C-alpha atoms as a PDB file:
ATOM      1  CA  MET A   1     108.788 110.561  97.547  1.00  0.00           C
ATOM      2  CA  GLY A   2     105.789 110.655  99.842  1.00  0.00           C
ATOM      3  CA  GLU A   3     105.401 107.049 101.162  1.00  0.00           C
ATOM      4  CA  LYS A   4     109.042 106.386 101.598  1.00  0.00           C
ATOM      5  CA  GLN A   5     110.023 109.632 103.673  1.00  0.00           C
ATOM      6  CA  ASP A   6     106.829 109.066 106.025  1.00  0.00           C
ATOM      7  CA  LYS A   7     107.780 105.431 106.663  1.00  0.00           C
ATOM      8  CA  TYR A   8     111.876 106.081 106.995  1.00  0.00           C
ATOM      9  CA  ASN A   9     113.517 108.195 108.821  1.00  0.00           C
ATOM     10  CA  ARG A  10     116.953 106.992 108.196  1.00  0.00           C
ATOM     11  CA  SER A  11     118.867 105.650 105.571  1.00  0.00           C
ATOM     12  CA  TYR A  12     121.899 102.970 105.827  1.00  0.00           C
ATOM     13  CA  PRO A  13     123.629 102.829 102.695  1.00  0.00           C
ATOM     14  CA  ILE A  14     125.561  99.517 102.042  1.00  0.00           C
ATOM     15  CA  SER A  15     128.814  99.305  99.811  1.00  0.00           C
ATOM     16  CA  TRP A  16     129.705  96.254  97.181  1.00  0.00           C
ATOM     17  CA  GLU A  17     132.541  95.620  99.560  1.00  0.00           C
ATOM     18  CA  GLN A  18     130.011  95.473 102.779  1.00  0.00           C
ATOM     19  CA  LEU A  19     127.429  93.564 101.384  1.00  0.00           C
ATOM     20  CA  HIS A  20     130.198  90.698 100.334  1.00  0.00           C
ATOM     21  CA  ARG A  21     131.417  90.637 103.980  1.00  0.00           C
ATOM     22  CA  ASP A  22     128.016  90.483 105.548  1.00  0.00           C
ATOM     23  CA  SER A  23     126.955  87.749 102.690  1.00  0.00           C
ATOM     24  CA  LYS A  24     130.001  85.776 103.582  1.00  0.00           C
ATOM     25  CA  ALA A  25     129.573  86.260 107.332  1.00  0.00           C
ATOM     26  CA  LEU A  26     126.127  84.573 106.598  1.00  0.00           C
ATOM     27  CA  SER A  27     127.938  81.681 104.949  1.00  0.00           C
ATOM     28  CA  TRP A  28     129.876  81.155 107.908  1.00  0.00           C
ATOM     29  CA  ARG A  29     126.441  80.706 110.162  1.00  0.00           C
ATOM     30  CA  LEU A  30     125.233  78.332 107.149  1.00  0.00           C
ATOM     31  CA  HIS A  31     128.316  75.711 106.710  1.00  0.00           C
ATOM     32  CA  ASP A  32     128.110  74.164 109.922  1.00  0.00           C
ATOM     33  CA  ARG A  33     125.997  71.484 109.014  1.00  0.00           C
ATOM     34  CA  GLU A  34     125.549  67.324 108.963  1.00  0.00           C
ATOM     35  CA  ASN A  35     123.692  67.185 105.625  1.00  0.00           C
ATOM     36  CA  PRO A  36     125.108  69.198 102.931  1.00  0.00           C
ATOM     37  CA  TRP A  37     122.445  71.965 101.437  1.00  0.00           C
ATOM     38  CA  LYS A  38     121.071  70.611  97.856  1.00  0.00           C
ATOM     39  CA  GLY A  39     121.028  74.316  96.956  1.00  0.00           C
ATOM     40  CA  ILE A  40     119.730  77.866  97.148  1.00  0.00           C
ATOM     41  CA  VAL A  41     116.568  79.474  96.083  1.00  0.00           C
ATOM     42  CA  ALA A  42     117.324  83.035  95.795  1.00  0.00           C
ATOM     43  CA  ILE A  43     114.582  85.617  96.302  1.00  0.00           C
ATOM     44  CA  THR A  44     114.618  88.038  93.122  1.00  0.00           C
ATOM     45  CA  ARG A  45     115.825  90.502  92.450  1.00  0.00           C
ATOM     46  CA  GLY A  46     117.873  91.284  96.188  1.00  0.00           C
ATOM     47  CA  GLY A  47     118.801  87.930  97.080  1.00  0.00           C
ATOM     48  CA  LEU A  48     120.705  87.026  93.790  1.00  0.00           C
ATOM     49  CA  VAL A  49     124.134  88.845  94.834  1.00  0.00           C
ATOM     50  CA  PRO A  50     124.014  87.163  98.313  1.00  0.00           C
ATOM     51  CA  ALA A  51     122.891  84.059  97.023  1.00  0.00           C
ATOM     52  CA  ALA A  52     126.351  83.886  94.402  1.00  0.00           C
ATOM     53  CA  ILE A  53     128.375  84.527  97.436  1.00  0.00           C
ATOM     54  CA  ILE A  54     126.717  82.243  99.412  1.00  0.00           C
ATOM     55  CA  ALA A  55     126.978  79.575  96.801  1.00  0.00           C
ATOM     56  CA  ARG A  56     130.685  79.891  96.006  1.00  0.00           C
ATOM     57  CA  GLU A  57     131.497  79.656  99.936  1.00  0.00           C
ATOM     58  CA  LEU A  58     129.636  76.669 100.516  1.00  0.00           C
ATOM     59  CA  GLY A  59     130.215  74.986  96.971  1.00  0.00           C
ATOM     60  CA  ILE A  60     126.656  74.816  96.082  1.00  0.00           C
ATOM     61  CA  HIS A  61     126.017  74.755  92.379  1.00  0.00           C
ATOM     62  CA  TYR A  62     122.571  74.549  92.310  1.00  0.00           C
ATOM     63  CA  ILE A  63     120.666  77.745  92.424  1.00  0.00           C
ATOM     64  CA  ASP A  64     117.053  78.545  91.664  1.00  0.00           C
ATOM     65  CA  THR A  65     115.026  81.840  91.897  1.00  0.00           C
ATOM     66  CA  VAL A  66     111.441  82.408  93.326  1.00  0.00           C
ATOM     67  CA  CYS A  67     110.633  85.708  91.529  1.00  0.00           C
ATOM     68  CA  ILE A  68     108.216  87.995  93.813  1.00  0.00           C
ATOM     69  CA  THR A  69     107.813  91.823  93.612  1.00  0.00           C
ATOM     70  CA  SER A  70     106.764  94.029  96.097  1.00  0.00           C
ATOM     71  CA  TYR A  71     108.771  96.996  96.009  1.00  0.00           C
ATOM     72  CA  ASP A  72     109.225  99.720  93.917  1.00  0.00           C
ATOM     73  CA  TRP A  73     111.497 102.604  94.454  1.00  0.00           C
ATOM     74  CA  LYS A  74     109.757 104.249  97.023  1.00  0.00           C
ATOM     75  CA  SER A  75     107.818 101.889  98.610  1.00  0.00           C
ATOM     76  CA  GLN A  76     106.347  98.694  99.462  1.00  0.00           C
ATOM     77  CA  GLY A  77     103.472  97.598  97.737  1.00  0.00           C
ATOM     78  CA  GLU A  78     101.243  94.344  96.950  1.00  0.00           C
ATOM     79  CA  THR A  79     103.375  91.068  97.101  1.00  0.00           C
ATOM     80  CA  LYS A  80     103.106  89.135  93.460  1.00  0.00           C
ATOM     81  CA  VAL A  81     104.548  85.978  92.548  1.00  0.00           C
ATOM     82  CA  LEU A  82     106.094  85.895  89.065  1.00  0.00           C
ATOM     83  CA  LYS A  83     107.499  82.664  89.388  1.00  0.00           C
ATOM     84  CA  PRO A  84     107.470  79.974  91.925  1.00  0.00           C
ATOM     85  CA  VAL A  85     109.267  77.135  93.165  1.00  0.00           C
ATOM     86  CA  GLU A  86     107.884  73.696  93.422  1.00  0.00           C
ATOM     87  CA  GLY A  87     108.379  71.161  96.337  1.00  0.00           C
ATOM     88  CA  SER A  88     108.729  71.654 100.063  1.00  0.00           C
ATOM     89  CA  GLY A  89     112.256  73.066 100.268  1.00  0.00           C
ATOM     90  CA  GLU A  90     113.783  70.251 102.326  1.00  0.00           C
ATOM     91  CA  ASP A  91     117.472  70.766 102.414  1.00  0.00           C
ATOM     92  CA  LEU A  92     117.538  73.927 100.277  1.00  0.00           C
ATOM     93  CA  LEU A  93     118.474  77.532 101.693  1.00  0.00           C
ATOM     94  CA  ILE A  94     116.138  80.328 100.503  1.00  0.00           C
ATOM     95  CA  ILE A  95     118.598  83.469 100.734  1.00  0.00           C
ATOM     96  CA  ASP A  96     117.506  87.012 100.304  1.00  0.00           C
ATOM     97  CA  ASP A  97     118.982  90.533 101.084  1.00  0.00           C
ATOM     98  CA  LEU A  98     116.466  91.560 103.417  1.00  0.00           C
ATOM     99  CA  VAL A  99     113.660  90.664 105.401  1.00  0.00           C
ATOM    100  CA  ASP A 100     111.642  93.711 106.022  1.00  0.00           C
ATOM    101  CA  THR A 101     107.865  93.850 107.202  1.00  0.00           C
ATOM    102  CA  GLY A 102     107.943  89.995 106.226  1.00  0.00           C
ATOM    103  CA  ALA A 103     105.219  90.411 103.542  1.00  0.00           C
ATOM    104  CA  THR A 104     107.825  88.552 101.020  1.00  0.00           C
ATOM    105  CA  ALA A 105     108.940  85.875 103.625  1.00  0.00           C
ATOM    106  CA  LYS A 106     105.212  84.685 104.514  1.00  0.00           C
ATOM    107  CA  VAL A 107     104.805  83.971 100.873  1.00  0.00           C
ATOM    108  CA  VAL A 108     107.864  82.060 100.410  1.00  0.00           C
ATOM    109  CA  ARG A 109     107.485  80.094 104.005  1.00  0.00           C
ATOM    110  CA  ASN A 110     104.417  79.051 102.800  1.00  0.00           C
ATOM    111  CA  MET A 111     105.389  77.863  99.296  1.00  0.00           C
ATOM    112  CA  LEU A 112     108.771  76.100 100.869  1.00  0.00           C
ATOM    113  CA  PRO A 113     107.653  75.436 104.276  1.00  0.00           C
ATOM    114  CA  ASP A 114     110.968  73.056 105.024  1.00  0.00           C
ATOM    115  CA  ALA A 115     113.595  75.151 103.463  1.00  0.00           C
ATOM    116  CA  TYR A 116     115.952  77.190 105.882  1.00  0.00           C
ATOM    117  CA  PHE A 117     115.503  80.703 105.307  1.00  0.00           C
ATOM    118  CA  ALA A 118     118.431  83.025 105.635  1.00  0.00           C
ATOM    119  CA  THR A 119     118.659  87.523 104.930  1.00  0.00           C
ATOM    120  CA  VAL A 120     121.916  89.099 105.112  1.00  0.00           C
ATOM    121  CA  TYR A 121     120.047  91.875 106.752  1.00  0.00           C
ATOM    122  CA  ALA A 122     116.650  91.896 109.114  1.00  0.00           C
ATOM    123  CA  LYS A 123     114.109  94.446 110.497  1.00  0.00           C
ATOM    124  CA  PRO A 124     112.232  93.613 113.682  1.00  0.00           C
ATOM    125  CA  ALA A 125     109.031  92.762 111.880  1.00  0.00           C
ATOM    126  CA  GLY A 126     110.462  90.496 109.661  1.00  0.00           C
ATOM    127  CA  LYS A 127     112.832  88.812 112.140  1.00  0.00           C
ATOM    128  CA  PRO A 128     110.709  85.960 113.069  1.00  0.00           C
ATOM    129  CA  LEU A 129     110.352  84.811 109.714  1.00  0.00           C
ATOM    130  CA  VAL A 130     113.940  83.594 108.966  1.00  0.00           C
ATOM    131  CA  ASP A 131     116.108  81.321 110.232  1.00  0.00           C
ATOM    132  CA  ALA A 132     119.500  83.074 110.050  1.00  0.00           C
ATOM    133  CA  TYR A 133     120.733  86.635 109.579  1.00  0.00           C
ATOM    134  CA  VAL A 134     123.819  88.909 109.659  1.00  0.00           C
ATOM    135  CA  THR A 135     122.566  92.249 110.732  1.00  0.00           C
ATOM    136  CA  GLU A 136     119.726  93.650 112.057  1.00  0.00           C
ATOM    137  CA  VAL A 137     118.733  97.246 111.248  1.00  0.00           C
ATOM    138  CA  SER A 138     115.818  99.276 112.859  1.00  0.00           C
ATOM    139  CA  GLN A 139     112.306  99.159 111.184  1.00  0.00           C
ATOM    140  CA  ASP A 140     112.474 102.923 110.238  1.00  0.00           C
ATOM    141  CA  THR A 141     115.710 102.510 108.234  1.00  0.00           C
ATOM    142  CA  TRP A 142     115.781 102.348 104.637  1.00  0.00           C
ATOM    143  CA  ILE A 143     118.488 100.507 103.462  1.00  0.00           C
ATOM    144  CA  LEU A 144     120.253 101.607  99.991  1.00  0.00           C
ATOM    145  CA  PHE A 145     122.021  98.838  98.386  1.00  0.00           C
ATOM    146  CA  PRO A 146     124.656  99.373  95.973  1.00  0.00           C
ATOM    147  CA  TRP A 147     122.682  98.221  92.923  1.00  0.00           C
ATOM    148  CA  ASP A 148     120.132 100.792  93.943  1.00  0.00           C
ATOM    149  CA  SER A 149     122.719 103.776  94.321  1.00  0.00           C
ATOM    150  CA  GLU A 150     125.932 105.769  92.901  1.00  0.00           C
ATOM    151  CA  SER A 151     128.187 107.774  94.698  1.00  0.00           C
ATOM    152  CA  GLN A 152     127.415 111.383  95.224  1.00  0.00           C
ATOM    153  CA  PHE A 153     127.956 114.001  97.903  1.00  0.00           C
ATOM    154  CA  VAL A 154     125.465 114.095 100.744  1.00  0.00           C
ATOM    155  CA  GLU A 155     124.754 116.837 103.325  1.00  0.00           C
ATOM    156  CA  PRO A 156     126.255 116.263 106.480  1.00  0.00           C
ATOM    157  CA  ILE A 157     123.809 115.507 109.598  1.00  0.00           C
ATOM    158  CA  VAL A 158     124.046 118.352 111.211  1.00  0.00           C
ATOM    159  CA  ARG A 159     124.779 121.495 109.158  1.00  0.00           C
ATOM    160  CA  LYS A 160     125.964 124.916 111.162  1.00  0.00           C
END
């Protein structure tokens, strides 16, 4: 795994239940607003599940996607836009699972400068690029999302 092991010293596994709770908590932060949101732009692929939960909680039926690739299973690479979204983003929510280094967030912010950007999880390097998040994790933590994992035995932190 090379690059991932060098950059990430910790792993933080997220269950489906925790992701649902954290996405719902983000919904609470986003609902108290004079004008209702016109829609959601989910950043694929990680933002799809949180966007679905938030859309349900806030009664939003218009959901679009901005398709960007920058990660593979072991490292973050070059950011590439596969499908952009037109307009300024006014009264739209941008939803993603995580803001890490901020590389993806910068691209989407430039694309939709008037949108409100919210993520479920945020790391220090990317945190200034989002308007709201639920949980901060350290920069050296690899968040293991439920769609990237399955249950199995793991060694204890301390072995005797």
